[in-house]
Protein backbone atom coordinates (compact mmCIF):
# COMPACT_ATOMS: atom_id res chain seq x y z
CA MET A 1 97.71 140.79 15.89
CA ALA A 2 95.31 141.79 18.63
CA ALA A 3 96.11 140.88 22.17
CA PHE A 4 94.05 138.07 23.68
CA ASP A 5 92.32 139.10 26.94
CA PHE A 6 91.86 135.91 28.94
CA GLY A 7 89.93 137.68 31.74
CA GLU A 8 87.40 139.14 29.28
CA SER A 9 86.89 135.73 27.65
CA VAL A 10 86.24 134.12 31.04
CA ARG A 11 83.81 136.94 31.89
CA LYS A 12 81.92 136.44 28.60
CA ILE A 13 81.77 132.66 29.10
CA PHE A 14 80.48 133.24 32.63
CA LEU A 15 77.79 135.67 31.37
CA VAL A 16 76.79 133.24 28.61
CA GLY A 17 76.34 130.55 31.26
CA ILE A 18 74.19 132.84 33.42
CA GLY A 19 72.15 133.85 30.37
CA ALA A 20 71.64 130.21 29.44
CA VAL A 21 70.49 129.36 32.95
CA ALA A 22 68.13 132.36 33.04
CA THR A 23 66.71 131.51 29.61
CA GLY A 24 66.34 127.88 30.61
CA ALA A 25 64.52 128.90 33.79
CA GLU A 26 62.15 131.17 31.84
CA LYS A 27 61.44 128.49 29.25
CA SER A 28 60.98 125.91 32.00
CA GLN A 29 58.47 128.17 33.78
CA GLN A 30 56.60 128.73 30.51
CA LEU A 31 56.55 124.99 29.89
CA ILE A 32 55.35 124.32 33.44
CA ASP A 33 52.60 126.95 33.11
CA GLU A 34 51.52 125.44 29.80
CA LEU A 35 51.44 121.91 31.22
CA VAL A 36 49.44 123.10 34.24
CA LYS A 37 46.90 124.74 31.95
CA LYS A 38 46.65 121.60 29.86
CA GLY A 39 46.39 119.48 33.00
CA GLU A 40 43.59 121.64 34.39
CA LEU A 41 41.80 121.45 31.08
CA THR A 42 42.25 117.68 31.05
CA VAL A 43 40.84 117.39 34.59
CA GLU A 44 37.81 119.47 33.61
CA GLN A 45 37.34 117.41 30.45
CA GLY A 46 37.61 114.25 32.55
CA LYS A 47 34.92 115.49 34.94
CA ASP A 48 32.62 116.39 32.05
CA LEU A 49 33.27 113.05 30.36
CA ASN A 50 32.60 111.17 33.61
CA GLU A 51 29.28 112.98 34.08
CA GLU A 52 28.27 112.27 30.49
CA LEU A 53 29.20 108.59 30.77
CA THR A 54 27.30 108.26 34.06
CA ARG A 55 24.24 109.83 32.45
CA LYS A 56 24.49 107.56 29.42
CA ALA A 57 25.00 104.46 31.58
CA ALA A 58 21.93 105.29 33.66
CA LYS A 59 19.86 105.81 30.50
CA ALA A 60 21.15 102.56 29.01
CA ALA A 61 20.27 100.68 32.20
CA THR A 62 16.76 102.15 32.19
CA ASP A 63 16.31 101.39 28.50
CA THR A 64 17.56 97.82 28.99
CA HIS A 65 15.24 97.29 31.95
CA GLU A 66 12.25 98.61 30.02
CA SER A 67 13.16 96.48 27.00
CA PHE A 68 13.38 93.41 29.21
CA ILE A 69 9.95 94.07 30.73
CA ARG A 70 8.46 94.79 27.32
CA SER A 71 9.83 91.60 25.75
CA ARG A 72 8.68 89.55 28.73
CA MET A 73 5.19 91.03 28.61
CA GLU A 74 4.96 90.60 24.83
CA SER A 75 5.46 86.87 25.26
CA MET A 76 2.54 86.68 27.74
CA THR A 77 -1.13 86.20 27.05
CA ALA A 78 -3.53 88.99 27.99
CA GLU A 79 -4.47 87.13 31.18
CA GLU A 80 -0.81 86.59 32.14
CA ARG A 81 -0.09 90.29 31.54
CA ALA A 82 -3.02 91.28 33.76
CA ALA A 83 -1.83 88.93 36.53
CA TYR A 84 1.73 90.25 36.18
CA ALA A 85 0.53 93.87 36.31
CA LYS A 86 -1.54 93.10 39.43
CA ARG A 87 1.48 91.46 41.05
CA VAL A 88 3.64 94.49 40.31
CA ALA A 89 0.93 96.82 41.67
CA ASP A 90 0.68 94.72 44.86
CA ILE A 91 4.46 94.91 45.33
CA ALA A 92 4.39 98.68 44.79
CA GLN A 93 1.59 99.07 47.34
CA GLU A 94 3.49 96.95 49.87
CA ILE A 95 6.60 99.12 49.42
CA ASP A 96 4.52 102.30 49.79
CA GLU A 97 2.94 100.97 53.00
CA ARG A 98 6.37 100.12 54.43
CA ALA A 99 7.63 103.60 53.56
CA THR A 100 4.60 105.15 55.28
CA THR A 101 5.19 103.02 58.38
CA VAL A 102 8.85 104.05 58.54
CA ASP A 103 7.91 107.74 58.09
CA ALA A 104 5.33 107.48 60.89
CA GLU A 105 7.88 105.82 63.20
CA VAL A 106 10.42 108.56 62.51
CA GLU A 107 7.82 111.25 63.18
CA ASP A 108 6.83 109.51 66.45
CA ALA A 109 10.48 109.30 67.52
CA GLU A 110 11.05 112.96 66.69
CA GLY A 111 7.90 113.93 68.62
CA GLU A 112 9.01 111.95 71.65
CA ALA A 113 12.45 113.56 71.54
CA ALA A 114 10.87 117.01 71.36
CA ASP A 115 8.57 116.17 74.30
CA GLU A 116 11.57 115.02 76.38
CA GLY A 117 13.46 118.18 75.47
CA SER A 118 10.60 120.44 76.60
CA ALA A 119 10.11 118.43 79.83
CA GLU A 120 13.75 119.03 80.78
CA GLU A 121 13.35 122.81 80.52
């Protein structure tokens, strides 16, 4: 019968433990790397999906708004449609005039600031 070497058995058990830890660490790192890659891909997919949904929502809102206007105008007589169109044109003109006034005020304020800056020199 062969002699049993207790020291060698302990050494082998110790080396098996170290090997298991090292293998576990390698596999864990591979798993972490894989999950990171999948996570990055998921984030990119989420960004793309969000952009697509935003685009679709904006289109749906525009389509709904146009459909609403169309159905409202279809229920009007020709005279009512003309009056409605004139009213919308008047509102648009009023908004344009306000925008022009604001732009002119900003330009005046910028001009005054530039004049003050050159007077200080």
